[in-house]
Amino acid sequence: MFHKIYHFTKTIITEIKEDDLFSAANDMTYKLFFSIFPFLIFLMSVVGFLKLDIHTLTIKILSVLPYSLNEPVSHFIQEIANIKNANILSFSFILSIYGASSGFKTAMRSINKTYGLKDIRKFYIKILISITLVFIFTIIIIVSFALLIFGDHILNYIISIIIMFFSVILINKLALYKNKKNGVKSHIPGTVFTVSLWIAVSRLFNIYIDNFSNYSTLYGSIAAVIIFMLWLNIMCIVLLVGNEINAVVGTL
């Protein structure tokens, strides 16, 4: 049994190196990170247009951020929410979608590479799929942050895990080009790995927020950005490694 586990682990590590997953994850992280700010501008602009309770929304957002970021983030939300400009709304939405979808086009290439496939779908099909993956991944991020806020409530916790589980399977299936073994069952091993690691990393992020984020406004802010980028990078790495696991399991 130990020999089989060792061989399986060694195979996964070898495939990760050969497929250069870390470079793909880094590229994906970079593009996703810089698409977040336009997306926040778009989101807050929508809040302004819809005249939602900005105070309650701000409290919820700040509850999952380090204390040192409370003042700048709160100011940012208030400023953007008060701007009711359709041009800003449209531009920020297009910019965020473009940046994030570029990241997922990288992910799609990497996922297909793990299966030894070349994605020959038409260009516009790839764009539509990558945009769809952006929205699915956004749901996963929102659910991940919900785990930080409502993680102590067992029902919310279970629902969040279920949503993440099926969202990951959907991402994997849409990203992967035609494959006879591309059934739902074939994605379960990697999805279990991905969701488990995502939950663990999110909980560690929560520990950081509760214990290590209030020492200095300056260093706390810088550390928060670095920790967030690290968290996002790990999310991307784990997603791609999960697909590598599925590919290797499929060959056994």
C-alpha atoms as a PDB file:
ATOM      1  CA  MET A   1       0.000   0.000   0.000  1.00  0.00           C
ATOM      2  CA  PHE A   2       2.789   2.415   0.956  1.00  0.00           C
ATOM      3  CA  HIS A   3       4.592   1.568  -2.290  1.00  0.00           C
ATOM      4  CA  LYS A   4       1.495   2.421  -4.347  1.00  0.00           C
ATOM      5  CA  ILE A   5       1.018   5.745  -2.538  1.00  0.00           C
ATOM      6  CA  TYR A   6       4.686   6.588  -3.041  1.00  0.00           C
ATOM      7  CA  HIS A   7       4.529   5.708  -6.743  1.00  0.00           C
ATOM      8  CA  PHE A   8       1.327   7.708  -7.235  1.00  0.00           C
ATOM      9  CA  THR A   9       2.762  10.764  -5.446  1.00  0.00           C
ATOM     10  CA  LYS A  10       6.000  10.543  -7.419  1.00  0.00           C
ATOM     11  CA  THR A  11       4.039  10.346 -10.676  1.00  0.00           C
ATOM     12  CA  ILE A  12       1.986  13.423  -9.749  1.00  0.00           C
ATOM     13  CA  ILE A  13       5.117  15.431  -8.901  1.00  0.00           C
ATOM     14  CA  THR A  14       6.797  14.375 -12.155  1.00  0.00           C
ATOM     15  CA  GLU A  15       3.733  15.330 -14.209  1.00  0.00           C
ATOM     16  CA  ILE A  16       3.446  18.698 -12.432  1.00  0.00           C
ATOM     17  CA  LYS A  17       7.039  19.494 -13.382  1.00  0.00           C
ATOM     18  CA  GLU A  18       6.651  18.314 -16.967  1.00  0.00           C
ATOM     19  CA  ASP A  19       3.425  20.259 -17.484  1.00  0.00           C
ATOM     20  CA  ASP A  20       4.933  23.353 -15.791  1.00  0.00           C
ATOM     21  CA  LEU A  21       1.805  23.855 -13.682  1.00  0.00           C
ATOM     22  CA  PHE A  22       3.361  26.396 -11.340  1.00  0.00           C
ATOM     23  CA  SER A  23       4.152  28.782 -14.187  1.00  0.00           C
ATOM     24  CA  ALA A  24       0.593  28.454 -15.473  1.00  0.00           C
ATOM     25  CA  ALA A  25      -0.781  29.066 -11.953  1.00  0.00           C
ATOM     26  CA  ASN A  26       1.438  32.142 -11.535  1.00  0.00           C
ATOM     27  CA  ASP A  27       0.260  33.557 -14.849  1.00  0.00           C
ATOM     28  CA  MET A  28      -3.338  32.859 -13.897  1.00  0.00           C
ATOM     29  CA  THR A  29      -2.856  34.507 -10.485  1.00  0.00           C
ATOM     30  CA  TYR A  30      -1.281  37.630 -12.008  1.00  0.00           C
ATOM     31  CA  LYS A  31      -4.152  38.161 -14.444  1.00  0.00           C
ATOM     32  CA  LEU A  32      -6.843  37.397 -11.872  1.00  0.00           C
ATOM     33  CA  PHE A  33      -5.279  39.708  -9.282  1.00  0.00           C
ATOM     34  CA  PHE A  34      -5.235  42.708 -11.600  1.00  0.00           C
ATOM     35  CA  SER A  35      -8.799  42.028 -12.724  1.00  0.00           C
ATOM     36  CA  ILE A  36     -10.064  42.163  -9.143  1.00  0.00           C
ATOM     37  CA  PHE A  37      -9.839  45.948  -8.774  1.00  0.00           C
ATOM     38  CA  PRO A  38     -11.901  46.775 -11.897  1.00  0.00           C
ATOM     39  CA  PHE A  39     -14.353  44.106 -10.780  1.00  0.00           C
ATOM     40  CA  LEU A  40     -14.683  45.767  -7.357  1.00  0.00           C
ATOM     41  CA  ILE A  41     -15.301  49.106  -9.059  1.00  0.00           C
ATOM     42  CA  PHE A  42     -17.992  47.456 -11.178  1.00  0.00           C
ATOM     43  CA  LEU A  43     -19.534  45.739  -8.144  1.00  0.00           C
ATOM     44  CA  MET A  44     -19.627  48.893  -6.045  1.00  0.00           C
ATOM     45  CA  SER A  45     -21.031  50.890  -8.979  1.00  0.00           C
ATOM     46  CA  VAL A  46     -23.852  48.364  -9.253  1.00  0.00           C
ATOM     47  CA  VAL A  47     -24.509  48.811  -5.540  1.00  0.00           C
ATOM     48  CA  GLY A  48     -24.708  52.558  -6.098  1.00  0.00           C
ATOM     49  CA  PHE A  49     -27.159  52.188  -8.980  1.00  0.00           C
ATOM     50  CA  LEU A  50     -29.374  49.731  -7.109  1.00  0.00           C
ATOM     51  CA  LYS A  51     -29.345  51.863  -3.945  1.00  0.00           C
ATOM     52  CA  LEU A  52     -28.552  48.869  -1.747  1.00  0.00           C
ATOM     53  CA  ASP A  53     -27.585  49.130   1.908  1.00  0.00           C
ATOM     54  CA  ILE A  54     -23.931  50.079   1.460  1.00  0.00           C
ATOM     55  CA  HIS A  55     -23.328  50.209   5.219  1.00  0.00           C
ATOM     56  CA  THR A  56     -24.306  46.564   5.769  1.00  0.00           C
ATOM     57  CA  LEU A  57     -22.321  45.485   2.703  1.00  0.00           C
ATOM     58  CA  THR A  58     -19.250  47.337   3.938  1.00  0.00           C
ATOM     59  CA  ILE A  59     -19.455  45.672   7.361  1.00  0.00           C
ATOM     60  CA  LYS A  60     -19.648  42.213   5.743  1.00  0.00           C
ATOM     61  CA  ILE A  61     -16.640  42.892   3.515  1.00  0.00           C
ATOM     62  CA  LEU A  62     -14.544  44.347   6.333  1.00  0.00           C
ATOM     63  CA  SER A  63     -15.336  41.363   8.555  1.00  0.00           C
ATOM     64  CA  VAL A  64     -13.141  39.118   6.371  1.00  0.00           C
ATOM     65  CA  LEU A  65     -10.302  41.612   5.902  1.00  0.00           C
ATOM     66  CA  PRO A  66      -7.378  42.446   8.197  1.00  0.00           C
ATOM     67  CA  TYR A  67      -8.132  45.354  10.544  1.00  0.00           C
ATOM     68  CA  SER A  68      -5.327  47.428   9.015  1.00  0.00           C
ATOM     69  CA  LEU A  69      -7.248  47.530   5.715  1.00  0.00           C
ATOM     70  CA  ASN A  70     -10.536  48.660   7.214  1.00  0.00           C
ATOM     71  CA  GLU A  71     -10.094  52.399   6.675  1.00  0.00           C
ATOM     72  CA  PRO A  72      -8.772  52.382   3.068  1.00  0.00           C
ATOM     73  CA  VAL A  73     -11.218  49.686   1.918  1.00  0.00           C
ATOM     74  CA  SER A  74     -14.166  51.401   3.598  1.00  0.00           C
ATOM     75  CA  HIS A  75     -13.226  54.715   1.963  1.00  0.00           C
ATOM     76  CA  PHE A  76     -12.847  53.004  -1.425  1.00  0.00           C
ATOM     77  CA  ILE A  77     -16.291  51.371  -1.171  1.00  0.00           C
ATOM     78  CA  GLN A  78     -18.001  54.609  -0.167  1.00  0.00           C
ATOM     79  CA  GLU A  79     -16.345  56.592  -2.966  1.00  0.00           C
ATOM     80  CA  ILE A  80     -17.168  54.105  -5.707  1.00  0.00           C
ATOM     81  CA  ALA A  81     -20.719  53.414  -4.495  1.00  0.00           C
ATOM     82  CA  ASN A  82     -21.516  57.130  -4.757  1.00  0.00           C
ATOM     83  CA  ILE A  83     -20.425  57.291  -8.402  1.00  0.00           C
ATOM     84  CA  LYS A  84     -23.424  56.518 -10.613  1.00  0.00           C
ATOM     85  CA  ASN A  85     -21.687  56.600 -13.989  1.00  0.00           C
ATOM     86  CA  ALA A  86     -22.722  54.110 -16.656  1.00  0.00           C
ATOM     87  CA  ASN A  87     -19.434  54.572 -18.539  1.00  0.00           C
ATOM     88  CA  ILE A  88     -17.376  53.643 -15.484  1.00  0.00           C
ATOM     89  CA  LEU A  89     -19.697  50.710 -14.859  1.00  0.00           C
ATOM     90  CA  SER A  90     -19.299  49.367 -18.403  1.00  0.00           C
ATOM     91  CA  PHE A  91     -15.559  50.000 -18.664  1.00  0.00           C
ATOM     92  CA  SER A  92     -14.728  48.404 -15.306  1.00  0.00           C
ATOM     93  CA  PHE A  93     -16.864  45.352 -16.123  1.00  0.00           C
ATOM     94  CA  ILE A  94     -15.240  44.825 -19.534  1.00  0.00           C
ATOM     95  CA  LEU A  95     -11.741  45.338 -18.095  1.00  0.00           C
ATOM     96  CA  SER A  96     -12.277  42.895 -15.241  1.00  0.00           C
ATOM     97  CA  ILE A  97     -13.795  40.227 -17.496  1.00  0.00           C
ATOM     98  CA  TYR A  98     -11.004  40.621 -20.054  1.00  0.00           C
ATOM     99  CA  GLY A  99      -8.263  40.262 -17.436  1.00  0.00           C
ATOM    100  CA  ALA A 100      -9.839  37.329 -15.615  1.00  0.00           C
ATOM    101  CA  SER A 101     -10.787  35.477 -18.814  1.00  0.00           C
ATOM    102  CA  SER A 102      -7.181  35.780 -20.020  1.00  0.00           C
ATOM    103  CA  GLY A 103      -6.144  34.028 -16.823  1.00  0.00           C
ATOM    104  CA  PHE A 104      -8.603  31.226 -17.430  1.00  0.00           C
ATOM    105  CA  LYS A 105      -7.468  30.773 -21.017  1.00  0.00           C
ATOM    106  CA  THR A 106      -4.084  29.958 -19.485  1.00  0.00           C
ATOM    107  CA  ALA A 107      -5.805  27.547 -17.096  1.00  0.00           C
ATOM    108  CA  MET A 108      -7.651  25.869 -19.978  1.00  0.00           C
ATOM    109  CA  ARG A 109      -4.400  25.273 -21.858  1.00  0.00           C
ATOM    110  CA  SER A 110      -2.790  23.862 -18.738  1.00  0.00           C
ATOM    111  CA  ILE A 111      -5.729  21.589 -17.900  1.00  0.00           C
ATOM    112  CA  ASN A 112      -5.773  20.134 -21.410  1.00  0.00           C
ATOM    113  CA  LYS A 113      -2.007  19.709 -21.282  1.00  0.00           C
ATOM    114  CA  THR A 114      -2.320  17.519 -18.196  1.00  0.00           C
ATOM    115  CA  TYR A 115      -4.418  15.104 -20.279  1.00  0.00           C
ATOM    116  CA  GLY A 116      -2.090  15.302 -23.256  1.00  0.00           C
ATOM    117  CA  LEU A 117      -4.770  17.109 -25.267  1.00  0.00           C
ATOM    118  CA  LYS A 118      -4.640  20.135 -27.524  1.00  0.00           C
ATOM    119  CA  ASP A 119      -7.666  22.402 -27.336  1.00  0.00           C
ATOM    120  CA  ILE A 120      -8.676  23.010 -30.964  1.00  0.00           C
ATOM    121  CA  ARG A 121     -12.025  24.607 -30.207  1.00  0.00           C
ATOM    122  CA  LYS A 122     -12.769  27.795 -32.133  1.00  0.00           C
ATOM    123  CA  PHE A 123     -11.419  31.066 -30.772  1.00  0.00           C
ATOM    124  CA  TYR A 124     -14.791  32.548 -29.856  1.00  0.00           C
ATOM    125  CA  ILE A 125     -15.811  29.303 -28.131  1.00  0.00           C
ATOM    126  CA  LYS A 126     -12.700  29.495 -25.966  1.00  0.00           C
ATOM    127  CA  ILE A 127     -13.507  33.108 -25.080  1.00  0.00           C
ATOM    128  CA  LEU A 128     -17.090  32.253 -24.100  1.00  0.00           C
ATOM    129  CA  ILE A 129     -15.924  29.294 -21.994  1.00  0.00           C
ATOM    130  CA  SER A 130     -13.199  31.348 -20.280  1.00  0.00           C
ATOM    131  CA  ILE A 131     -15.747  34.071 -19.421  1.00  0.00           C
ATOM    132  CA  THR A 132     -18.097  31.405 -18.036  1.00  0.00           C
ATOM    133  CA  LEU A 133     -15.245  30.020 -15.925  1.00  0.00           C
ATOM    134  CA  VAL A 134     -14.619  33.524 -14.559  1.00  0.00           C
ATOM    135  CA  PHE A 135     -18.169  33.715 -13.213  1.00  0.00           C
ATOM    136  CA  ILE A 136     -17.970  30.203 -11.750  1.00  0.00           C
ATOM    137  CA  PHE A 137     -14.624  30.972 -10.093  1.00  0.00           C
ATOM    138  CA  THR A 138     -16.090  34.225  -8.733  1.00  0.00           C
ATOM    139  CA  ILE A 139     -18.838  32.190  -7.088  1.00  0.00           C
ATOM    140  CA  ILE A 140     -16.174  29.944  -5.552  1.00  0.00           C
ATOM    141  CA  ILE A 141     -14.277  32.941  -4.155  1.00  0.00           C
ATOM    142  CA  ILE A 142     -17.482  34.399  -2.697  1.00  0.00           C
ATOM    143  CA  VAL A 143     -18.305  31.035  -1.126  1.00  0.00           C
ATOM    144  CA  SER A 144     -14.749  30.792   0.241  1.00  0.00           C
ATOM    145  CA  PHE A 145     -15.140  34.146   1.961  1.00  0.00           C
ATOM    146  CA  ALA A 146     -18.581  33.077   3.184  1.00  0.00           C
ATOM    147  CA  LEU A 147     -16.842  30.175   4.923  1.00  0.00           C
ATOM    148  CA  LEU A 148     -14.775  32.736   6.802  1.00  0.00           C
ATOM    149  CA  ILE A 149     -17.878  34.634   7.904  1.00  0.00           C
ATOM    150  CA  PHE A 150     -20.345  31.787   8.499  1.00  0.00           C
ATOM    151  CA  GLY A 151     -17.937  28.878   8.968  1.00  0.00           C
ATOM    152  CA  ASP A 152     -19.216  28.197  12.479  1.00  0.00           C
ATOM    153  CA  HIS A 153     -22.713  27.416  11.222  1.00  0.00           C
ATOM    154  CA  ILE A 154     -22.713  23.764  10.168  1.00  0.00           C
ATOM    155  CA  LEU A 155     -25.567  24.052   7.609  1.00  0.00           C
ATOM    156  CA  ASN A 156     -23.949  27.013   5.838  1.00  0.00           C
ATOM    157  CA  TYR A 157     -20.631  25.163   5.950  1.00  0.00           C
ATOM    158  CA  ILE A 158     -22.085  22.056   4.275  1.00  0.00           C
ATOM    159  CA  ILE A 159     -23.919  24.092   1.620  1.00  0.00           C
ATOM    160  CA  SER A 160     -20.738  26.046   0.848  1.00  0.00           C
ATOM    161  CA  ILE A 161     -18.754  22.828   0.392  1.00  0.00           C
ATOM    162  CA  ILE A 162     -21.396  21.386  -1.941  1.00  0.00           C
ATOM    163  CA  ILE A 163     -21.411  24.555  -4.053  1.00  0.00           C
ATOM    164  CA  MET A 164     -17.610  24.558  -4.268  1.00  0.00           C
ATOM    165  CA  PHE A 165     -17.525  20.846  -5.125  1.00  0.00           C
ATOM    166  CA  PHE A 166     -19.880  21.051  -8.085  1.00  0.00           C
ATOM    167  CA  SER A 167     -18.406  24.381  -9.228  1.00  0.00           C
ATOM    168  CA  VAL A 168     -14.939  22.797  -9.454  1.00  0.00           C
ATOM    169  CA  ILE A 169     -16.303  19.836 -11.422  1.00  0.00           C
ATOM    170  CA  LEU A 170     -18.035  22.252 -13.792  1.00  0.00           C
ATOM    171  CA  ILE A 171     -14.816  24.253 -14.284  1.00  0.00           C
ATOM    172  CA  ASN A 172     -12.871  21.069 -15.029  1.00  0.00           C
ATOM    173  CA  LYS A 173     -15.429  19.741 -17.510  1.00  0.00           C
ATOM    174  CA  LEU A 174     -15.831  23.027 -19.399  1.00  0.00           C
ATOM    175  CA  ALA A 175     -12.086  23.667 -19.570  1.00  0.00           C
ATOM    176  CA  LEU A 176     -11.281  20.200 -20.865  1.00  0.00           C
ATOM    177  CA  TYR A 177     -11.533  19.473 -24.584  1.00  0.00           C
ATOM    178  CA  LYS A 178     -13.303  16.331 -25.829  1.00  0.00           C
ATOM    179  CA  ASN A 179     -12.271  13.323 -23.807  1.00  0.00           C
ATOM    180  CA  LYS A 180     -14.087   9.974 -23.632  1.00  0.00           C
ATOM    181  CA  LYS A 181     -13.163   9.696 -19.952  1.00  0.00           C
ATOM    182  CA  ASN A 182     -14.493  13.166 -19.137  1.00  0.00           C
ATOM    183  CA  GLY A 183     -17.430  11.968 -17.037  1.00  0.00           C
ATOM    184  CA  VAL A 184     -18.359  13.437 -13.650  1.00  0.00           C
ATOM    185  CA  LYS A 185     -16.872  10.452 -11.781  1.00  0.00           C
ATOM    186  CA  SER A 186     -13.482  10.995 -13.412  1.00  0.00           C
ATOM    187  CA  HIS A 187     -13.266  14.448 -11.804  1.00  0.00           C
ATOM    188  CA  ILE A 188     -14.134  13.396  -8.245  1.00  0.00           C
ATOM    189  CA  PRO A 189     -10.602  12.541  -6.912  1.00  0.00           C
ATOM    190  CA  GLY A 190      -9.060  15.853  -7.963  1.00  0.00           C
ATOM    191  CA  THR A 191     -12.143  17.804  -6.903  1.00  0.00           C
ATOM    192  CA  VAL A 192     -12.020  16.312  -3.392  1.00  0.00           C
ATOM    193  CA  PHE A 193      -8.349  17.298  -3.208  1.00  0.00           C
ATOM    194  CA  THR A 194      -9.037  20.819  -4.530  1.00  0.00           C
ATOM    195  CA  VAL A 195     -11.990  21.632  -2.278  1.00  0.00           C
ATOM    196  CA  SER A 196     -10.277  20.174   0.815  1.00  0.00           C
ATOM    197  CA  LEU A 197      -7.145  22.254   0.240  1.00  0.00           C
ATOM    198  CA  TRP A 198      -9.173  25.383  -0.534  1.00  0.00           C
ATOM    199  CA  ILE A 199     -11.065  25.054   2.749  1.00  0.00           C
ATOM    200  CA  ALA A 200      -7.829  24.488   4.684  1.00  0.00           C
ATOM    201  CA  VAL A 201      -6.128  27.506   3.080  1.00  0.00           C
ATOM    202  CA  SER A 202      -9.190  29.700   3.714  1.00  0.00           C
ATOM    203  CA  ARG A 203      -9.189  28.699   7.379  1.00  0.00           C
ATOM    204  CA  LEU A 204      -5.478  29.540   7.640  1.00  0.00           C
ATOM    205  CA  PHE A 205      -6.262  32.916   6.087  1.00  0.00           C
ATOM    206  CA  ASN A 206      -8.903  33.386   8.769  1.00  0.00           C
ATOM    207  CA  ILE A 207      -6.331  32.585  11.486  1.00  0.00           C
ATOM    208  CA  TYR A 208      -4.054  35.258  10.018  1.00  0.00           C
ATOM    209  CA  ILE A 209      -6.894  37.802  10.100  1.00  0.00           C
ATOM    210  CA  ASP A 210      -7.704  36.977  13.729  1.00  0.00           C
ATOM    211  CA  ASN A 211      -4.151  36.926  15.083  1.00  0.00           C
ATOM    212  CA  PHE A 212      -1.500  38.536  12.902  1.00  0.00           C
ATOM    213  CA  SER A 213      -3.024  41.410  10.961  1.00  0.00           C
ATOM    214  CA  ASN A 214      -3.229  44.221  13.527  1.00  0.00           C
ATOM    215  CA  TYR A 215       0.376  44.980  14.447  1.00  0.00           C
ATOM    216  CA  SER A 216       0.993  47.883  12.104  1.00  0.00           C
ATOM    217  CA  THR A 217      -1.153  49.864   9.700  1.00  0.00           C
ATOM    218  CA  LEU A 218       1.648  50.065   7.133  1.00  0.00           C
ATOM    219  CA  TYR A 219       3.078  46.561   7.460  1.00  0.00           C
ATOM    220  CA  GLY A 220      -0.373  45.123   8.090  1.00  0.00           C
ATOM    221  CA  SER A 221      -1.647  46.553   4.800  1.00  0.00           C
ATOM    222  CA  ILE A 222       1.353  45.306   2.846  1.00  0.00           C
ATOM    223  CA  ALA A 223       1.169  41.891   4.501  1.00  0.00           C
ATOM    224  CA  ALA A 224      -2.567  41.677   3.747  1.00  0.00           C
ATOM    225  CA  VAL A 225      -1.980  42.236   0.028  1.00  0.00           C
ATOM    226  CA  ILE A 226       0.846  39.684  -0.017  1.00  0.00           C
ATOM    227  CA  ILE A 227      -1.230  37.140   1.913  1.00  0.00           C
ATOM    228  CA  PHE A 228      -4.168  37.665  -0.434  1.00  0.00           C
ATOM    229  CA  MET A 229      -1.961  37.158  -3.511  1.00  0.00           C
ATOM    230  CA  LEU A 230      -0.489  34.042  -1.903  1.00  0.00           C
ATOM    231  CA  TRP A 231      -3.989  32.769  -1.129  1.00  0.00           C
ATOM    232  CA  LEU A 232      -5.118  33.379  -4.720  1.00  0.00           C
ATOM    233  CA  ASN A 233      -1.969  31.723  -6.078  1.00  0.00           C
ATOM    234  CA  ILE A 234      -2.542  28.640  -3.930  1.00  0.00           C
ATOM    235  CA  MET A 235      -6.167  28.518  -5.116  1.00  0.00           C
ATOM    236  CA  CYS A 236      -4.935  28.446  -8.728  1.00  0.00           C
ATOM    237  CA  ILE A 237      -2.183  25.893  -8.041  1.00  0.00           C
ATOM    238  CA  VAL A 238      -4.554  23.550  -6.207  1.00  0.00           C
ATOM    239  CA  LEU A 239      -7.123  23.765  -9.024  1.00  0.00           C
ATOM    240  CA  LEU A 240      -4.523  22.754 -11.622  1.00  0.00           C
ATOM    241  CA  VAL A 241      -2.971  20.052  -9.430  1.00  0.00           C
ATOM    242  CA  GLY A 242      -6.454  18.609  -8.876  1.00  0.00           C
ATOM    243  CA  ASN A 243      -6.777  18.176 -12.632  1.00  0.00           C
ATOM    244  CA  GLU A 244      -3.350  16.546 -12.729  1.00  0.00           C
ATOM    245  CA  ILE A 245      -4.569  14.056 -10.133  1.00  0.00           C
ATOM    246  CA  ASN A 246      -7.648  13.289 -12.250  1.00  0.00           C
ATOM    247  CA  ALA A 247      -5.477  12.755 -15.326  1.00  0.00           C
ATOM    248  CA  VAL A 248      -3.112  10.382 -13.515  1.00  0.00           C
ATOM    249  CA  VAL A 249      -5.948   8.446 -11.859  1.00  0.00           C
ATOM    250  CA  GLY A 250      -7.531   8.051 -15.299  1.00  0.00           C
ATOM    251  CA  THR A 251      -4.431   6.221 -16.532  1.00  0.00           C
ATOM    252  CA  LEU A 252      -4.370   3.704 -13.684  1.00  0.00           C
END
